[in-house]
Amino acid sequence: MQTLPPAIVPAGLLSFDFDGTLHDPASDPPVPHGFFHLLRRLRQSRGMLWGINTGRSLEHLLEGFVESRFPYLPDWVVAREREIYFADGEGGWQPHASWNRRCEQEIHGLFTQAAGLLREMRHRIEEHTGAKWFEAAGDPAGVIARTEEEIEWIMGNVIPLADVEPRLAWERNTIYLRFGHRDFNKGTSMAEVARIHRLAAAQCFAIGDSHNDLGMLDPAHAAMTACPANAVAEIRAHVESHGGLVTRAAHGDGAVEALRHYFEVPGEIH
């Protein structure tokens, strides 16, 4: 699987969340064919670069590309909401080494200093809920709750403890919570990709459906923002608050609708 022919002079950046935004496992295909047709047209007519900005690991994301029957690869991906990779033109991926290394070092240093705080948060979560605390390579600390109500309790009663360490951040997606560093998220990672290509926020588009998409739906990083009709209420309100688009369609059809809205591409959603 290859990327689209390279844009001679990139004119803009398109950032898509994967699960819930583009990918809907209940649909066949999980990502609509019309999305890829439209991307090809935007590459040819506008020189747009496009990427997937996800909480998945790179390996899990590549499985998703196969499952979703991608006809070609994105130009770049952000994995685990912070790791940047660029397509190498031969079906493989090259890490943005300096960014990924700095990210890993900063997170390791933060988690070492905040070890006591994280232990206290883990204790409260395990004492009062049935949520599972996990630690793994690439994910030093995280939580998997059993229900939306349980994760809401954790957000209201445990997460405020993190206020004593301003560098400690978290990314939430449904019942999953991942702790990290405030300087490395979907928004800052997208901005780094844009910086490399000398693109300003005014030239960037982002669409997402869940809490961990807030960073890339910040107008400081993307002037053109959207969320699909299936987005959670907080994301819908955030997008509407700064004049972004809440689409009528859900999932991948919503992404197509948003692209047509911002880039004035005529035609029907397929």
Protein backbone atom coordinates (compact mmCIF):
# COMPACT_ATOMS: atom_id res chain seq x y z
CA MET A 1 0.00 0.00 0.00
CA GLN A 2 1.42 3.38 -1.05
CA THR A 3 0.58 7.03 -0.43
CA LEU A 4 -0.96 9.37 -2.98
CA PRO A 5 1.50 11.05 -5.38
CA PRO A 6 3.32 13.71 -3.36
CA ALA A 7 2.09 17.29 -3.39
CA ILE A 8 4.66 19.53 -5.07
CA VAL A 9 4.01 22.36 -2.62
CA PRO A 10 1.79 21.34 0.33
CA ALA A 11 -1.01 23.86 0.72
CA GLY A 12 -2.79 22.51 3.76
CA LEU A 13 -2.99 19.81 6.41
CA LEU A 14 -5.93 17.50 7.10
CA SER A 15 -6.06 15.69 10.48
CA PHE A 16 -8.57 12.89 11.13
CA ASP A 17 -9.29 10.97 14.28
CA PHE A 18 -9.73 7.28 13.46
CA ASP A 19 -12.11 5.36 15.76
CA GLY A 20 -15.58 6.88 15.89
CA THR A 21 -14.72 9.62 13.41
CA LEU A 22 -13.56 7.87 10.25
CA HIS A 23 -13.84 4.23 11.28
CA ASP A 24 -17.22 2.71 12.11
CA PRO A 25 -16.97 -1.07 12.55
CA ALA A 26 -20.73 -1.41 12.11
CA SER A 27 -20.57 -0.03 8.56
CA ASP A 28 -19.53 -1.82 5.38
CA PRO A 29 -17.00 -0.63 4.47
CA PRO A 30 -15.92 0.81 7.85
CA VAL A 31 -14.67 3.97 6.07
CA PRO A 32 -16.78 5.12 3.06
CA HIS A 33 -15.26 4.93 -0.40
CA GLY A 34 -16.30 8.53 -0.99
CA PHE A 35 -13.83 9.70 1.64
CA PHE A 36 -10.87 8.37 -0.32
CA HIS A 37 -12.21 9.68 -3.64
CA LEU A 38 -12.52 13.14 -2.11
CA LEU A 39 -9.02 13.03 -0.62
CA ARG A 40 -7.59 12.18 -4.02
CA ARG A 41 -9.35 15.19 -5.53
CA LEU A 42 -8.13 17.48 -2.75
CA ARG A 43 -4.57 16.27 -3.29
CA GLN A 44 -4.78 16.95 -7.03
CA SER A 45 -6.58 20.29 -6.84
CA ARG A 46 -5.37 21.72 -3.51
CA GLY A 47 -2.13 19.93 -2.63
CA MET A 48 -3.50 18.76 0.71
CA LEU A 49 -1.51 16.51 3.04
CA TRP A 50 -3.58 14.18 5.19
CA GLY A 51 -2.97 12.18 8.31
CA ILE A 52 -4.57 10.04 11.01
CA ASN A 53 -4.36 11.40 14.56
CA THR A 54 -5.26 8.62 16.99
CA GLY A 55 -4.89 7.13 20.43
CA ARG A 56 -4.06 3.75 18.88
CA SER A 57 -0.52 2.45 18.79
CA LEU A 58 1.09 2.43 15.34
CA GLU A 59 0.77 -1.35 15.08
CA HIS A 60 -2.92 -1.27 16.02
CA LEU A 61 -3.54 1.56 13.58
CA LEU A 62 -1.94 -0.32 10.68
CA GLU A 63 -4.32 -3.19 11.43
CA GLY A 64 -7.14 -0.68 11.18
CA PHE A 65 -5.98 0.44 7.74
CA VAL A 66 -6.27 -3.14 6.50
CA GLU A 67 -9.62 -3.68 8.21
CA SER A 68 -10.97 -0.44 6.75
CA ARG A 69 -9.67 -1.32 3.27
CA PHE A 70 -7.62 1.83 2.82
CA PRO A 71 -6.69 2.08 -0.89
CA TYR A 72 -3.66 4.20 0.00
CA LEU A 73 -1.80 5.31 3.12
CA PRO A 74 -1.95 8.70 4.84
CA ASP A 75 1.08 10.97 4.58
CA TRP A 76 1.60 10.98 8.34
CA VAL A 77 0.16 9.56 11.53
CA VAL A 78 0.13 10.52 15.18
CA ALA A 79 -0.06 7.39 17.35
CA ARG A 80 -0.86 7.23 21.09
CA GLU A 81 -1.86 10.90 20.74
CA ARG A 82 1.78 11.95 20.64
CA GLU A 83 4.16 9.83 18.49
CA ILE A 84 4.71 11.16 14.96
CA TYR A 85 5.46 8.94 11.95
CA PHE A 86 5.82 9.79 8.26
CA ALA A 87 5.09 7.48 5.34
CA ASP A 88 8.36 6.58 3.60
CA GLY A 89 6.85 6.17 0.13
CA GLU A 90 7.51 2.42 0.12
CA GLY A 91 4.71 1.27 2.39
CA GLY A 92 6.66 1.79 5.62
CA TRP A 93 6.91 4.41 8.35
CA GLN A 94 9.72 6.60 9.59
CA PRO A 95 9.53 8.06 13.11
CA HIS A 96 10.00 11.75 13.70
CA ALA A 97 13.00 10.76 15.79
CA SER A 98 13.77 14.02 17.61
CA TRP A 99 10.12 14.64 18.56
CA ASN A 100 9.43 11.06 19.64
CA ARG A 101 12.66 10.89 21.64
CA ARG A 102 11.97 14.18 23.43
CA CYS A 103 8.41 13.06 24.12
CA GLU A 104 9.59 9.81 25.69
CA GLN A 105 12.25 11.56 27.78
CA GLU A 106 9.87 14.24 29.06
CA ILE A 107 7.19 11.71 29.97
CA HIS A 108 9.69 9.43 31.71
CA GLY A 109 11.05 12.34 33.77
CA LEU A 110 7.56 13.56 34.66
CA PHE A 111 6.32 10.13 35.72
CA THR A 112 9.42 9.60 37.85
CA GLN A 113 8.83 12.88 39.69
CA ALA A 114 5.07 12.33 39.96
CA ALA A 115 5.31 8.69 41.11
CA GLY A 116 3.84 9.45 44.54
CA LEU A 117 0.92 11.37 43.07
CA LEU A 118 0.16 8.61 40.60
CA ARG A 119 0.23 6.01 43.40
CA GLU A 120 -2.29 8.08 45.37
CA MET A 121 -4.56 8.37 42.32
CA ARG A 122 -4.29 4.65 41.66
CA HIS A 123 -5.13 3.88 45.30
CA ARG A 124 -8.27 6.01 45.20
CA ILE A 125 -9.42 4.52 41.90
CA GLU A 126 -8.91 0.95 43.07
CA GLU A 127 -10.44 1.66 46.49
CA HIS A 128 -13.65 3.24 45.20
CA THR A 129 -14.20 1.71 41.75
CA GLY A 130 -13.75 -1.49 39.78
CA ALA A 131 -11.68 0.29 37.13
CA LYS A 132 -8.41 -1.30 36.07
CA TRP A 133 -5.12 0.61 36.35
CA PHE A 134 -2.58 -0.40 33.73
CA GLU A 135 1.10 0.25 33.07
CA ALA A 136 2.75 -0.87 29.83
CA ALA A 137 5.53 0.04 27.43
CA GLY A 138 4.52 3.28 25.75
CA ASP A 139 1.69 3.81 28.24
CA PRO A 140 3.24 4.40 31.70
CA ALA A 141 -0.11 4.91 33.43
CA GLY A 142 -3.73 4.57 32.42
CA VAL A 143 -7.19 3.49 33.48
CA ILE A 144 -9.87 1.31 31.94
CA ALA A 145 -13.23 1.86 33.60
CA ARG A 146 -16.15 -0.54 33.40
CA THR A 147 -18.77 2.05 32.48
CA GLU A 148 -19.15 5.68 31.39
CA GLU A 149 -20.56 6.44 34.86
CA GLU A 150 -17.44 5.03 36.48
CA ILE A 151 -15.07 7.08 34.34
CA GLU A 152 -17.16 10.18 35.10
CA TRP A 153 -16.75 9.49 38.83
CA ILE A 154 -12.99 9.19 38.33
CA MET A 155 -12.92 12.45 36.36
CA GLY A 156 -14.78 14.26 39.10
CA ASN A 157 -13.20 12.71 42.21
CA VAL A 158 -9.67 11.60 41.31
CA ILE A 159 -8.39 13.58 38.34
CA PRO A 160 -8.51 16.92 40.24
CA LEU A 161 -5.60 15.59 42.34
CA ALA A 162 -3.41 16.11 39.26
CA ASP A 163 -3.73 19.88 39.63
CA VAL A 164 -0.69 19.89 41.93
CA GLU A 165 1.50 18.84 38.97
CA PRO A 166 0.74 21.23 36.08
CA ARG A 167 2.75 19.18 33.57
CA LEU A 168 0.62 16.08 34.15
CA ALA A 169 -2.13 15.73 31.57
CA TRP A 170 -4.54 13.02 30.54
CA GLU A 171 -6.39 11.92 27.44
CA ARG A 172 -9.83 10.36 27.72
CA ASN A 173 -11.72 8.32 25.12
CA THR A 174 -15.00 6.77 26.33
CA ILE A 175 -14.02 4.50 29.28
CA TYR A 176 -10.25 4.76 28.65
CA LEU A 177 -7.92 7.27 30.29
CA ARG A 178 -4.21 7.71 29.52
CA PHE A 179 -1.91 9.95 31.55
CA GLY A 180 0.77 11.94 29.78
CA HIS A 181 2.61 15.25 29.46
CA ARG A 182 0.75 18.48 28.72
CA ASP A 183 3.18 19.38 25.90
CA PHE A 184 2.49 16.22 23.88
CA ASN A 185 -1.04 15.60 22.63
CA LYS A 186 -2.97 15.40 19.38
CA GLY A 187 -2.93 19.17 18.99
CA THR A 188 0.76 19.83 19.63
CA SER A 189 1.72 16.81 17.51
CA MET A 190 -0.39 18.04 14.60
CA ALA A 191 1.16 21.49 14.99
CA GLU A 192 4.62 19.93 14.76
CA VAL A 193 3.69 18.20 11.49
CA ALA A 194 2.37 21.53 10.20
CA ARG A 195 5.57 23.29 11.29
CA ILE A 196 7.72 20.85 9.35
CA HIS A 197 5.72 21.64 6.21
CA ARG A 198 5.68 25.39 6.96
CA LEU A 199 1.90 25.47 7.27
CA ALA A 200 0.03 27.84 9.59
CA ALA A 201 -3.04 27.00 11.68
CA ALA A 202 -5.15 28.82 9.07
CA GLN A 203 -4.19 26.07 6.61
CA CYS A 204 -5.08 23.18 8.94
CA PHE A 205 -8.30 21.15 9.25
CA ALA A 206 -9.13 18.71 12.06
CA ILE A 207 -12.10 16.50 12.85
CA GLY A 208 -12.70 14.30 15.90
CA ASP A 209 -15.48 12.89 18.03
CA SER A 210 -14.19 12.30 21.58
CA HIS A 211 -12.48 13.97 24.54
CA ASN A 212 -8.95 13.13 23.43
CA ASP A 213 -9.53 15.16 20.26
CA LEU A 214 -9.80 18.47 22.13
CA GLY A 215 -6.14 19.30 21.53
CA MET A 216 -6.35 19.12 17.75
CA LEU A 217 -9.74 20.87 17.72
CA ASP A 218 -8.12 23.95 19.25
CA PRO A 219 -8.22 26.92 16.82
CA ALA A 220 -4.61 27.63 17.82
CA HIS A 221 -3.68 24.48 15.90
CA ALA A 222 -6.46 24.18 13.30
CA ALA A 223 -8.57 27.08 12.07
CA MET A 224 -10.98 24.66 10.37
CA THR A 225 -12.53 22.24 12.88
CA ALA A 226 -15.41 19.80 12.79
CA CYS A 227 -16.97 16.86 14.57
CA PRO A 228 -19.32 14.21 13.21
CA ALA A 229 -22.94 13.92 14.34
CA ASN A 230 -22.01 11.04 16.66
CA ALA A 231 -19.50 13.14 18.66
CA VAL A 232 -19.85 13.32 22.44
CA ALA A 233 -21.68 16.35 23.82
CA GLU A 234 -18.54 18.06 25.15
CA ILE A 235 -16.87 17.91 21.74
CA ARG A 236 -19.97 19.19 19.97
CA ALA A 237 -20.15 22.14 22.37
CA HIS A 238 -16.42 22.85 22.01
CA VAL A 239 -16.55 22.86 18.21
CA GLU A 240 -19.66 25.04 18.13
CA SER A 241 -18.16 27.50 20.63
CA HIS A 242 -15.54 28.68 18.15
CA GLY A 243 -17.59 28.47 14.97
CA GLY A 244 -16.62 24.96 13.85
CA LEU A 245 -18.92 22.55 12.04
CA VAL A 246 -21.04 19.83 13.65
CA THR A 247 -21.97 17.68 10.67
CA ARG A 248 -25.39 16.20 9.97
CA ALA A 249 -23.84 12.86 9.03
CA ALA A 250 -21.99 10.49 11.36
CA HIS A 251 -18.55 8.88 11.19
CA GLY A 252 -16.82 8.83 7.78
CA ASP A 253 -19.78 10.41 6.00
CA GLY A 254 -19.47 13.27 8.47
CA ALA A 255 -15.81 13.67 7.55
CA VAL A 256 -16.77 13.88 3.88
CA GLU A 257 -19.44 16.46 4.71
CA ALA A 258 -16.91 18.56 6.64
CA LEU A 259 -14.36 18.47 3.82
CA ARG A 260 -16.99 19.57 1.33
CA HIS A 261 -18.04 22.37 3.67
CA TYR A 262 -14.57 23.82 4.16
CA PHE A 263 -13.14 23.22 0.73
CA GLU A 264 -16.28 23.86 -1.35
CA VAL A 265 -16.13 20.57 -3.20
CA PRO A 266 -19.45 19.96 -5.01
CA GLY A 267 -21.17 16.59 -5.13
CA GLU A 268 -23.03 14.11 -2.98
CA ILE A 269 -21.73 12.07 -0.05
CA HIS A 270 -21.12 8.45 -1.08
